Amino acid sequence: MVTRPEPDISAFLKARRAALDPAELGLPAGINRRRVPGLRREEAAQLAGISVDYYTRIEQGRTPNISDSVLDAVARALRLTDSEYAYLRDLTLPGRRTPTTGTTGTTGSQQVRQGIRLLIDAMEDVPAYVCSAAMDVLAWNTLGGLITYDFAALEPRERNLARLYFLDEEQSRSLYPEWEPGGEYMAATLRADVGRHPDDPALGALIADLLEHSAQFRRCWDQQHVRGLCYGVKHITHPVAGELWLHYESLPLPSDPGQTLVTFTAEPGSPTEKALRLLATRATPQPVPSP
């Protein structure tokens, strides 16, 4: 049985050091050959302008009160992205975390407000759904429930994007031609969510379940990548509509902590736009699940 994962600053910083090329940072090769790739601790400390002892204590999680200036220096030294830096801040001091949890310690409610339901229903030509931090799909419009998985045909616990992606590999591979990089991105997004919501039981249970039952997820998770779920282009091979290229936007709902509205749009006049229209004409309107 895999226990519930906890954010690990040591594994994260080691992975980020290993991902850097010392030569690209202007560091000498050294007298002795490197036994492991990336930066040594002393090199990371040098680039950050702090002592090796202090950097070591940071990496080992033994510094409860790290100043913002030191965090900034470590982030610059390790060339962290904005998402990675936000994750580092979450790991080093919970007080820095943007407050997004309710009194229960979970990432908001699983109930979707009526106003949001009306909004996604009104977006008849735009596939849309609302998901939780643990990637549970909470509500969707007709096209949103058809462009990938038939959410209406699934039991509530099965309406989870990560479980469908990693645990129903045969179907997800048929839907997503870029399945492996897509899985890496999904795992990196989940890691960012764990940093923001370390006490969310649903999120912790999801990660533990995926680690236990998916070798591909374990590989992706061990990379220690962090990505913010924002926007991009998704390539889907739909069994009815054919090949789709959709721009997606992930929009956090400020009044509903832990919930995100995800929309998909096609380029005007493109084959994807025509395919979506065809799919909409064949679709039977699906009632959004009641609270």
C-alpha atoms as a PDB file:
ATOM      1  CA  MET A   1       0.000   0.000   0.000  1.00  0.00           C
ATOM      2  CA  VAL A   2       1.362   3.408  -0.988  1.00  0.00           C
ATOM      3  CA  THR A   3       0.946   5.962   1.777  1.00  0.00           C
ATOM      4  CA  ARG A   4      -0.423   9.411   1.205  1.00  0.00           C
ATOM      5  CA  PRO A   5       2.319  11.559  -0.368  1.00  0.00           C
ATOM      6  CA  GLU A   6       3.585  14.696   1.323  1.00  0.00           C
ATOM      7  CA  PRO A   7       5.336  17.560  -0.461  1.00  0.00           C
ATOM      8  CA  ASP A   8       9.084  16.899  -0.223  1.00  0.00           C
ATOM      9  CA  ILE A   9      11.428  19.872  -0.523  1.00  0.00           C
ATOM     10  CA  SER A  10      14.519  17.654  -0.570  1.00  0.00           C
ATOM     11  CA  ALA A  11      13.436  15.614  -3.593  1.00  0.00           C
ATOM     12  CA  PHE A  12      12.229  18.739  -5.373  1.00  0.00           C
ATOM     13  CA  LEU A  13      15.455  20.752  -4.959  1.00  0.00           C
ATOM     14  CA  LYS A  14      17.640  17.758  -5.812  1.00  0.00           C
ATOM     15  CA  ALA A  15      15.671  17.235  -9.015  1.00  0.00           C
ATOM     16  CA  ARG A  16      15.965  20.894  -9.950  1.00  0.00           C
ATOM     17  CA  ARG A  17      19.745  20.836  -9.323  1.00  0.00           C
ATOM     18  CA  ALA A  18      20.089  17.700 -11.430  1.00  0.00           C
ATOM     19  CA  ALA A  19      18.220  19.326 -14.327  1.00  0.00           C
ATOM     20  CA  LEU A  20      20.789  22.122 -14.731  1.00  0.00           C
ATOM     21  CA  ASP A  21      23.889  22.026 -16.916  1.00  0.00           C
ATOM     22  CA  PRO A  22      26.851  23.524 -14.994  1.00  0.00           C
ATOM     23  CA  ALA A  23      28.588  24.476 -18.248  1.00  0.00           C
ATOM     24  CA  GLU A  24      25.606  26.570 -19.351  1.00  0.00           C
ATOM     25  CA  LEU A  25      25.819  28.434 -16.036  1.00  0.00           C
ATOM     26  CA  GLY A  26      29.494  29.220 -16.532  1.00  0.00           C
ATOM     27  CA  LEU A  27      30.717  26.799 -13.868  1.00  0.00           C
ATOM     28  CA  PRO A  28      33.999  24.900 -14.355  1.00  0.00           C
ATOM     29  CA  ALA A  29      33.938  21.167 -14.922  1.00  0.00           C
ATOM     30  CA  GLY A  30      36.068  20.586 -11.835  1.00  0.00           C
ATOM     31  CA  ILE A  31      39.012  18.342 -11.164  1.00  0.00           C
ATOM     32  CA  ASN A  32      36.924  15.251 -10.413  1.00  0.00           C
ATOM     33  CA  ARG A  33      34.346  13.881 -12.800  1.00  0.00           C
ATOM     34  CA  ARG A  34      30.770  14.444 -11.696  1.00  0.00           C
ATOM     35  CA  ARG A  35      29.163  11.321 -10.298  1.00  0.00           C
ATOM     36  CA  VAL A  36      25.659  12.688 -10.780  1.00  0.00           C
ATOM     37  CA  PRO A  37      24.261  15.139 -13.343  1.00  0.00           C
ATOM     38  CA  GLY A  38      23.565  18.763 -12.591  1.00  0.00           C
ATOM     39  CA  LEU A  39      24.804  21.104  -9.894  1.00  0.00           C
ATOM     40  CA  ARG A  40      26.481  20.106  -6.677  1.00  0.00           C
ATOM     41  CA  ARG A  41      25.095  21.566  -3.458  1.00  0.00           C
ATOM     42  CA  GLU A  42      28.094  23.830  -3.050  1.00  0.00           C
ATOM     43  CA  GLU A  43      27.569  25.187  -6.562  1.00  0.00           C
ATOM     44  CA  ALA A  44      23.897  25.883  -5.901  1.00  0.00           C
ATOM     45  CA  ALA A  45      24.907  27.669  -2.697  1.00  0.00           C
ATOM     46  CA  GLN A  46      27.546  29.689  -4.543  1.00  0.00           C
ATOM     47  CA  LEU A  47      25.051  30.805  -7.198  1.00  0.00           C
ATOM     48  CA  ALA A  48      22.528  31.714  -4.505  1.00  0.00           C
ATOM     49  CA  GLY A  49      25.118  33.650  -2.504  1.00  0.00           C
ATOM     50  CA  ILE A  50      24.572  31.677   0.710  1.00  0.00           C
ATOM     51  CA  SER A  51      26.725  29.267   2.693  1.00  0.00           C
ATOM     52  CA  VAL A  52      26.845  25.595   1.768  1.00  0.00           C
ATOM     53  CA  ASP A  53      25.661  24.707   5.272  1.00  0.00           C
ATOM     54  CA  TYR A  54      22.625  26.968   4.987  1.00  0.00           C
ATOM     55  CA  TYR A  55      21.718  25.669   1.530  1.00  0.00           C
ATOM     56  CA  THR A  56      22.078  22.096   2.796  1.00  0.00           C
ATOM     57  CA  ARG A  57      19.708  22.806   5.687  1.00  0.00           C
ATOM     58  CA  ILE A  58      17.192  24.329   3.251  1.00  0.00           C
ATOM     59  CA  GLU A  59      17.346  21.272   1.019  1.00  0.00           C
ATOM     60  CA  GLN A  60      16.926  18.981   4.009  1.00  0.00           C
ATOM     61  CA  GLY A  61      13.897  20.903   5.253  1.00  0.00           C
ATOM     62  CA  ARG A  62      15.649  22.044   8.449  1.00  0.00           C
ATOM     63  CA  THR A  63      15.054  25.795   8.103  1.00  0.00           C
ATOM     64  CA  PRO A  64      11.510  26.702   9.245  1.00  0.00           C
ATOM     65  CA  ASN A  65      11.876  30.449   8.684  1.00  0.00           C
ATOM     66  CA  ILE A  66      13.461  31.239   5.330  1.00  0.00           C
ATOM     67  CA  SER A  67      13.396  34.870   4.301  1.00  0.00           C
ATOM     68  CA  ASP A  68      11.892  35.953   1.003  1.00  0.00           C
ATOM     69  CA  SER A  69      15.282  37.251  -0.126  1.00  0.00           C
ATOM     70  CA  VAL A  70      16.903  33.835   0.385  1.00  0.00           C
ATOM     71  CA  LEU A  71      14.046  32.090  -1.421  1.00  0.00           C
ATOM     72  CA  ASP A  72      14.456  34.532  -4.290  1.00  0.00           C
ATOM     73  CA  ALA A  73      18.183  33.781  -4.425  1.00  0.00           C
ATOM     74  CA  VAL A  74      17.642  29.999  -4.436  1.00  0.00           C
ATOM     75  CA  ALA A  75      15.002  30.340  -7.147  1.00  0.00           C
ATOM     76  CA  ARG A  76      17.367  32.364  -9.317  1.00  0.00           C
ATOM     77  CA  ALA A  77      20.241  29.956  -8.724  1.00  0.00           C
ATOM     78  CA  LEU A  78      18.151  26.947  -9.745  1.00  0.00           C
ATOM     79  CA  ARG A  79      16.467  28.793 -12.637  1.00  0.00           C
ATOM     80  CA  LEU A  80      13.005  28.013 -11.263  1.00  0.00           C
ATOM     81  CA  THR A  81       9.950  28.852 -13.313  1.00  0.00           C
ATOM     82  CA  ASP A  82       7.140  30.890 -11.771  1.00  0.00           C
ATOM     83  CA  SER A  83       5.189  27.688 -11.033  1.00  0.00           C
ATOM     84  CA  GLU A  84       8.232  26.020  -9.461  1.00  0.00           C
ATOM     85  CA  TYR A  85       8.932  29.101  -7.351  1.00  0.00           C
ATOM     86  CA  ALA A  86       5.332  29.172  -6.109  1.00  0.00           C
ATOM     87  CA  TYR A  87       5.659  25.483  -5.202  1.00  0.00           C
ATOM     88  CA  LEU A  88       8.919  26.158  -3.329  1.00  0.00           C
ATOM     89  CA  ARG A  89       7.230  28.900  -1.333  1.00  0.00           C
ATOM     90  CA  ASP A  90       4.380  26.537  -0.468  1.00  0.00           C
ATOM     91  CA  LEU A  91       6.858  23.929   0.744  1.00  0.00           C
ATOM     92  CA  THR A  92       9.038  26.226   2.818  1.00  0.00           C
ATOM     93  CA  LEU A  93       6.411  28.124   4.743  1.00  0.00           C
ATOM     94  CA  PRO A  94       2.662  27.381   4.787  1.00  0.00           C
ATOM     95  CA  GLY A  95       2.012  30.974   5.813  1.00  0.00           C
ATOM     96  CA  ARG A  96       3.138  32.096   2.358  1.00  0.00           C
ATOM     97  CA  ARG A  97       0.514  29.922   0.714  1.00  0.00           C
ATOM     98  CA  THR A  98      -2.412  31.738  -0.843  1.00  0.00           C
ATOM     99  CA  PRO A  99      -5.359  30.906   1.431  1.00  0.00           C
ATOM    100  CA  THR A 100      -7.666  28.742  -0.683  1.00  0.00           C
ATOM    101  CA  THR A 101      -8.973  26.238   1.828  1.00  0.00           C
ATOM    102  CA  GLY A 102     -12.093  26.300   3.909  1.00  0.00           C
ATOM    103  CA  THR A 103     -12.527  25.549   7.590  1.00  0.00           C
ATOM    104  CA  THR A 104     -12.638  21.825   6.889  1.00  0.00           C
ATOM    105  CA  GLY A 105      -9.129  21.834   5.434  1.00  0.00           C
ATOM    106  CA  THR A 106     -10.301  20.653   2.008  1.00  0.00           C
ATOM    107  CA  THR A 107     -10.147  22.551  -1.236  1.00  0.00           C
ATOM    108  CA  GLY A 108     -13.541  24.144  -1.167  1.00  0.00           C
ATOM    109  CA  SER A 109     -16.922  22.640  -1.917  1.00  0.00           C
ATOM    110  CA  GLN A 110     -17.791  19.924  -4.413  1.00  0.00           C
ATOM    111  CA  GLN A 111     -20.963  21.890  -5.176  1.00  0.00           C
ATOM    112  CA  VAL A 112     -20.987  24.059  -8.288  1.00  0.00           C
ATOM    113  CA  ARG A 113     -22.925  27.297  -7.964  1.00  0.00           C
ATOM    114  CA  GLN A 114     -26.069  27.713 -10.017  1.00  0.00           C
ATOM    115  CA  GLY A 115     -24.612  30.785 -11.715  1.00  0.00           C
ATOM    116  CA  ILE A 116     -21.653  28.766 -12.987  1.00  0.00           C
ATOM    117  CA  ARG A 117     -23.970  25.996 -14.178  1.00  0.00           C
ATOM    118  CA  LEU A 118     -26.043  28.512 -16.110  1.00  0.00           C
ATOM    119  CA  LEU A 119     -22.861  30.002 -17.573  1.00  0.00           C
ATOM    120  CA  ILE A 120     -21.497  26.744 -18.966  1.00  0.00           C
ATOM    121  CA  ASP A 121     -24.935  25.718 -20.270  1.00  0.00           C
ATOM    122  CA  ALA A 122     -25.145  29.032 -22.150  1.00  0.00           C
ATOM    123  CA  MET A 123     -21.825  28.271 -23.872  1.00  0.00           C
ATOM    124  CA  GLU A 124     -23.497  25.971 -26.392  1.00  0.00           C
ATOM    125  CA  ASP A 125     -20.661  26.020 -28.947  1.00  0.00           C
ATOM    126  CA  VAL A 126     -17.853  25.924 -26.380  1.00  0.00           C
ATOM    127  CA  PRO A 127     -17.031  22.658 -24.590  1.00  0.00           C
ATOM    128  CA  ALA A 128     -16.667  23.449 -20.895  1.00  0.00           C
ATOM    129  CA  TYR A 129     -16.539  21.792 -17.510  1.00  0.00           C
ATOM    130  CA  VAL A 130     -15.717  22.599 -13.885  1.00  0.00           C
ATOM    131  CA  CYS A 131     -13.194  20.497 -12.001  1.00  0.00           C
ATOM    132  CA  SER A 132     -11.794  20.390  -8.479  1.00  0.00           C
ATOM    133  CA  ALA A 133      -8.157  20.608  -7.377  1.00  0.00           C
ATOM    134  CA  ALA A 134      -8.190  16.808  -7.340  1.00  0.00           C
ATOM    135  CA  MET A 135      -9.347  16.855 -10.994  1.00  0.00           C
ATOM    136  CA  ASP A 136     -12.860  15.595 -10.242  1.00  0.00           C
ATOM    137  CA  VAL A 137     -15.232  16.811 -12.963  1.00  0.00           C
ATOM    138  CA  LEU A 138     -18.072  18.452 -11.056  1.00  0.00           C
ATOM    139  CA  ALA A 139     -20.218  19.897 -13.864  1.00  0.00           C
ATOM    140  CA  TRP A 140     -20.134  20.141 -17.649  1.00  0.00           C
ATOM    141  CA  ASN A 141     -22.135  21.298 -20.633  1.00  0.00           C
ATOM    142  CA  THR A 142     -23.198  19.079 -23.515  1.00  0.00           C
ATOM    143  CA  LEU A 143     -20.053  19.454 -25.619  1.00  0.00           C
ATOM    144  CA  GLY A 144     -17.827  19.402 -22.534  1.00  0.00           C
ATOM    145  CA  GLY A 145     -19.182  15.952 -21.772  1.00  0.00           C
ATOM    146  CA  LEU A 146     -18.495  14.652 -25.260  1.00  0.00           C
ATOM    147  CA  ILE A 147     -15.120  15.875 -26.538  1.00  0.00           C
ATOM    148  CA  THR A 148     -13.201  13.263 -24.548  1.00  0.00           C
ATOM    149  CA  TYR A 149     -15.010  11.065 -22.038  1.00  0.00           C
ATOM    150  CA  ASP A 150     -18.763  10.601 -21.692  1.00  0.00           C
ATOM    151  CA  PHE A 151     -19.008  11.990 -18.175  1.00  0.00           C
ATOM    152  CA  ALA A 152     -22.748  11.367 -17.938  1.00  0.00           C
ATOM    153  CA  ALA A 153     -22.193   7.628 -18.418  1.00  0.00           C
ATOM    154  CA  LEU A 154     -19.648   7.438 -15.599  1.00  0.00           C
ATOM    155  CA  GLU A 155     -20.169   7.041 -11.880  1.00  0.00           C
ATOM    156  CA  PRO A 156     -19.251  10.201  -9.887  1.00  0.00           C
ATOM    157  CA  ARG A 157     -15.986   8.695  -8.554  1.00  0.00           C
ATOM    158  CA  GLU A 158     -14.960   7.744 -12.098  1.00  0.00           C
ATOM    159  CA  ARG A 159     -15.337  11.347 -13.327  1.00  0.00           C
ATOM    160  CA  ASN A 160     -11.754  12.181 -12.537  1.00  0.00           C
ATOM    161  CA  LEU A 161      -9.459  13.392 -15.306  1.00  0.00           C
ATOM    162  CA  ALA A 162      -6.275  11.957 -13.801  1.00  0.00           C
ATOM    163  CA  ARG A 163      -7.756   8.533 -13.019  1.00  0.00           C
ATOM    164  CA  LEU A 164      -9.205   8.298 -16.517  1.00  0.00           C
ATOM    165  CA  TYR A 165      -5.907   9.373 -18.070  1.00  0.00           C
ATOM    166  CA  PHE A 166      -3.576   7.053 -16.177  1.00  0.00           C
ATOM    167  CA  LEU A 167      -5.769   4.122 -15.116  1.00  0.00           C
ATOM    168  CA  ASP A 168      -7.727   3.694 -18.371  1.00  0.00           C
ATOM    169  CA  GLU A 169      -4.597   3.816 -20.480  1.00  0.00           C
ATOM    170  CA  GLU A 170      -6.013   2.117 -23.556  1.00  0.00           C
ATOM    171  CA  GLN A 171      -8.793   4.677 -23.980  1.00  0.00           C
ATOM    172  CA  SER A 172      -6.698   7.697 -23.052  1.00  0.00           C
ATOM    173  CA  ARG A 173      -3.952   6.714 -25.490  1.00  0.00           C
ATOM    174  CA  SER A 174      -6.562   6.490 -28.245  1.00  0.00           C
ATOM    175  CA  LEU A 175      -7.879   9.960 -27.350  1.00  0.00           C
ATOM    176  CA  TYR A 176      -4.555  11.754 -26.890  1.00  0.00           C
ATOM    177  CA  PRO A 177      -1.867  11.197 -29.550  1.00  0.00           C
ATOM    178  CA  GLU A 178       0.697  12.968 -27.324  1.00  0.00           C
ATOM    179  CA  TRP A 179      -0.164  10.727 -24.387  1.00  0.00           C
ATOM    180  CA  GLU A 180       3.223  10.576 -22.641  1.00  0.00           C
ATOM    181  CA  PRO A 181       4.013  14.324 -22.585  1.00  0.00           C
ATOM    182  CA  GLY A 182       0.388  14.929 -21.646  1.00  0.00           C
ATOM    183  CA  GLY A 183       0.816  12.660 -18.645  1.00  0.00           C
ATOM    184  CA  GLU A 184       3.952  14.510 -17.597  1.00  0.00           C
ATOM    185  CA  TYR A 185       2.069  17.793 -17.743  1.00  0.00           C
ATOM    186  CA  MET A 186      -0.853  16.388 -15.741  1.00  0.00           C
ATOM    187  CA  ALA A 187       1.460  15.034 -13.024  1.00  0.00           C
ATOM    188  CA  ALA A 188       3.251  18.395 -12.870  1.00  0.00           C
ATOM    189  CA  THR A 189      -0.094  20.163 -12.481  1.00  0.00           C
ATOM    190  CA  LEU A 190      -1.096  17.816  -9.668  1.00  0.00           C
ATOM    191  CA  ARG A 191       2.207  18.518  -7.897  1.00  0.00           C
ATOM    192  CA  ALA A 192       1.444  22.247  -7.957  1.00  0.00           C
ATOM    193  CA  ASP A 193      -1.994  21.495  -6.494  1.00  0.00           C
ATOM    194  CA  VAL A 194      -0.463  19.384  -3.715  1.00  0.00           C
ATOM    195  CA  GLY A 195       1.773  22.327  -2.812  1.00  0.00           C
ATOM    196  CA  ARG A 196      -1.229  24.649  -2.580  1.00  0.00           C
ATOM    197  CA  HIS A 197      -3.525  22.144  -0.854  1.00  0.00           C
ATOM    198  CA  PRO A 198      -1.318  19.752   1.188  1.00  0.00           C
ATOM    199  CA  ASP A 199      -4.158  18.875   3.575  1.00  0.00           C
ATOM    200  CA  ASP A 200      -6.786  18.067   0.952  1.00  0.00           C
ATOM    201  CA  PRO A 201      -7.793  14.423   1.608  1.00  0.00           C
ATOM    202  CA  ALA A 202      -9.279  13.916  -1.873  1.00  0.00           C
ATOM    203  CA  LEU A 203      -6.113  15.148  -3.552  1.00  0.00           C
ATOM    204  CA  GLY A 204      -3.889  13.068  -1.284  1.00  0.00           C
ATOM    205  CA  ALA A 205      -5.985   9.959  -1.914  1.00  0.00           C
ATOM    206  CA  LEU A 206      -5.840  10.535  -5.667  1.00  0.00           C
ATOM    207  CA  ILE A 207      -2.043  10.822  -5.723  1.00  0.00           C
ATOM    208  CA  ALA A 208      -1.638   7.736  -3.535  1.00  0.00           C
ATOM    209  CA  ASP A 209      -4.003   5.746  -5.773  1.00  0.00           C
ATOM    210  CA  LEU A 210      -2.187   6.764  -8.947  1.00  0.00           C
ATOM    211  CA  LEU A 211       1.217   5.989  -7.441  1.00  0.00           C
ATOM    212  CA  GLU A 212       0.016   2.526  -6.489  1.00  0.00           C
ATOM    213  CA  HIS A 213      -1.683   1.569  -9.742  1.00  0.00           C
ATOM    214  CA  SER A 214       0.110   3.428 -12.556  1.00  0.00           C
ATOM    215  CA  ALA A 215       3.775   2.901 -13.418  1.00  0.00           C
ATOM    216  CA  GLN A 216       3.570   5.776 -15.892  1.00  0.00           C
ATOM    217  CA  PHE A 217       2.286   8.148 -13.224  1.00  0.00           C
ATOM    218  CA  ARG A 218       5.077   7.067 -10.835  1.00  0.00           C
ATOM    219  CA  ARG A 219       7.629   7.871 -13.525  1.00  0.00           C
ATOM    220  CA  CYS A 220       6.080  11.286 -14.174  1.00  0.00           C
ATOM    221  CA  TRP A 221       5.695  12.068 -10.464  1.00  0.00           C
ATOM    222  CA  ASP A 222       9.311  11.214  -9.694  1.00  0.00           C
ATOM    223  CA  GLN A 223      10.469  13.868 -12.162  1.00  0.00           C
ATOM    224  CA  GLN A 224       9.404  16.527  -9.612  1.00  0.00           C
ATOM    225  CA  HIS A 225       8.122  18.832 -12.356  1.00  0.00           C
ATOM    226  CA  VAL A 226       5.700  21.631 -11.448  1.00  0.00           C
ATOM    227  CA  ARG A 227       3.390  23.353 -13.900  1.00  0.00           C
ATOM    228  CA  GLY A 228       0.576  25.825 -13.523  1.00  0.00           C
ATOM    229  CA  LEU A 229      -2.660  24.799 -15.190  1.00  0.00           C
ATOM    230  CA  CYS A 230      -3.324  27.802 -17.420  1.00  0.00           C
ATOM    231  CA  TYR A 231      -3.761  27.489 -21.166  1.00  0.00           C
ATOM    232  CA  GLY A 232      -2.516  25.744 -24.240  1.00  0.00           C
ATOM    233  CA  VAL A 233      -3.555  23.625 -27.221  1.00  0.00           C
ATOM    234  CA  LYS A 234      -4.914  20.120 -26.798  1.00  0.00           C
ATOM    235  CA  HIS A 235      -4.785  17.538 -29.578  1.00  0.00           C
ATOM    236  CA  ILE A 236      -7.608  14.989 -29.394  1.00  0.00           C
ATOM    237  CA  THR A 237      -8.517  12.092 -31.672  1.00  0.00           C
ATOM    238  CA  HIS A 238     -12.271  11.857 -31.208  1.00  0.00           C
ATOM    239  CA  PRO A 239     -14.009   8.588 -32.159  1.00  0.00           C
ATOM    240  CA  VAL A 240     -16.861  10.496 -33.878  1.00  0.00           C
ATOM    241  CA  ALA A 241     -15.596  13.998 -34.692  1.00  0.00           C
ATOM    242  CA  GLY A 242     -12.111  12.930 -35.745  1.00  0.00           C
ATOM    243  CA  GLU A 243      -8.981  14.982 -35.144  1.00  0.00           C
ATOM    244  CA  LEU A 244      -9.489  18.059 -32.956  1.00  0.00           C
ATOM    245  CA  TRP A 245      -7.085  20.887 -32.133  1.00  0.00           C
ATOM    246  CA  LEU A 246      -8.558  22.921 -29.293  1.00  0.00           C
ATOM    247  CA  HIS A 247      -7.320  25.946 -27.375  1.00  0.00           C
ATOM    248  CA  TYR A 248      -8.004  25.430 -23.689  1.00  0.00           C
ATOM    249  CA  GLU A 249      -8.182  27.956 -20.875  1.00  0.00           C
ATOM    250  CA  SER A 250      -8.161  27.002 -17.198  1.00  0.00           C
ATOM    251  CA  LEU A 251      -9.828  29.738 -15.182  1.00  0.00           C
ATOM    252  CA  PRO A 252      -9.782  29.458 -11.364  1.00  0.00           C
ATOM    253  CA  LEU A 253     -13.058  30.587  -9.794  1.00  0.00           C
ATOM    254  CA  PRO A 254     -12.102  33.120  -7.088  1.00  0.00           C
ATOM    255  CA  SER A 255     -15.398  32.786  -5.224  1.00  0.00           C
ATOM    256  CA  ASP A 256     -15.213  28.988  -5.271  1.00  0.00           C
ATOM    257  CA  PRO A 257     -11.783  27.981  -3.903  1.00  0.00           C
ATOM    258  CA  GLY A 258     -10.362  24.855  -5.478  1.00  0.00           C
ATOM    259  CA  GLN A 259     -12.684  24.947  -8.496  1.00  0.00           C
ATOM    260  CA  THR A 260     -11.543  25.675 -12.052  1.00  0.00           C
ATOM    261  CA  LEU A 261     -13.576  26.379 -15.167  1.00  0.00           C
ATOM    262  CA  VAL A 262     -11.994  24.789 -18.243  1.00  0.00           C
ATOM    263  CA  THR A 263     -13.082  25.851 -21.726  1.00  0.00           C
ATOM    264  CA  PHE A 264     -12.112  24.655 -25.210  1.00  0.00           C
ATOM    265  CA  THR A 265     -12.341  26.727 -28.393  1.00  0.00           C
ATOM    266  CA  ALA A 266     -11.493  26.099 -32.033  1.00  0.00           C
ATOM    267  CA  GLU A 267      -9.921  28.420 -34.584  1.00  0.00           C
ATOM    268  CA  PRO A 268     -12.675  30.125 -36.625  1.00  0.00           C
ATOM    269  CA  GLY A 269     -13.259  28.369 -39.932  1.00  0.00           C
ATOM    270  CA  SER A 270     -11.008  25.448 -39.004  1.00  0.00           C
ATOM    271  CA  PRO A 271     -11.853  21.764 -39.507  1.00  0.00           C
ATOM    272  CA  THR A 272     -12.059  21.486 -35.702  1.00  0.00           C
ATOM    273  CA  GLU A 273     -14.768  24.169 -35.550  1.00  0.00           C
ATOM    274  CA  LYS A 274     -16.771  22.281 -38.188  1.00  0.00           C
ATOM    275  CA  ALA A 275     -16.248  19.006 -36.323  1.00  0.00           C
ATOM    276  CA  LEU A 276     -17.537  20.535 -33.088  1.00  0.00           C
ATOM    277  CA  ARG A 277     -20.659  21.797 -34.851  1.00  0.00           C
ATOM    278  CA  LEU A 278     -21.235  18.325 -36.246  1.00  0.00           C
ATOM    279  CA  LEU A 279     -20.769  16.790 -32.821  1.00  0.00           C
ATOM    280  CA  ALA A 280     -23.220  19.296 -31.312  1.00  0.00           C
ATOM    281  CA  THR A 281     -25.927  18.406 -33.842  1.00  0.00           C
ATOM    282  CA  ARG A 282     -25.587  14.720 -33.019  1.00  0.00           C
ATOM    283  CA  ALA A 283     -25.533  15.266 -29.277  1.00  0.00           C
ATOM    284  CA  THR A 284     -28.506  14.910 -27.005  1.00  0.00           C
ATOM    285  CA  PRO A 285     -28.436  17.720 -24.420  1.00  0.00           C
ATOM    286  CA  GLN A 286     -27.101  16.345 -21.165  1.00  0.00           C
ATOM    287  CA  PRO A 287     -28.507  17.726 -17.932  1.00  0.00           C
ATOM    288  CA  VAL A 288     -25.805  19.025 -15.627  1.00  0.00           C
ATOM    289  CA  PRO A 289     -25.730  16.883 -12.466  1.00  0.00           C
ATOM    290  CA  SER A 290     -27.729  18.301  -9.587  1.00  0.00           C
ATOM    291  CA  PRO A 291     -25.879  19.325  -6.413  1.00  0.00           C
END
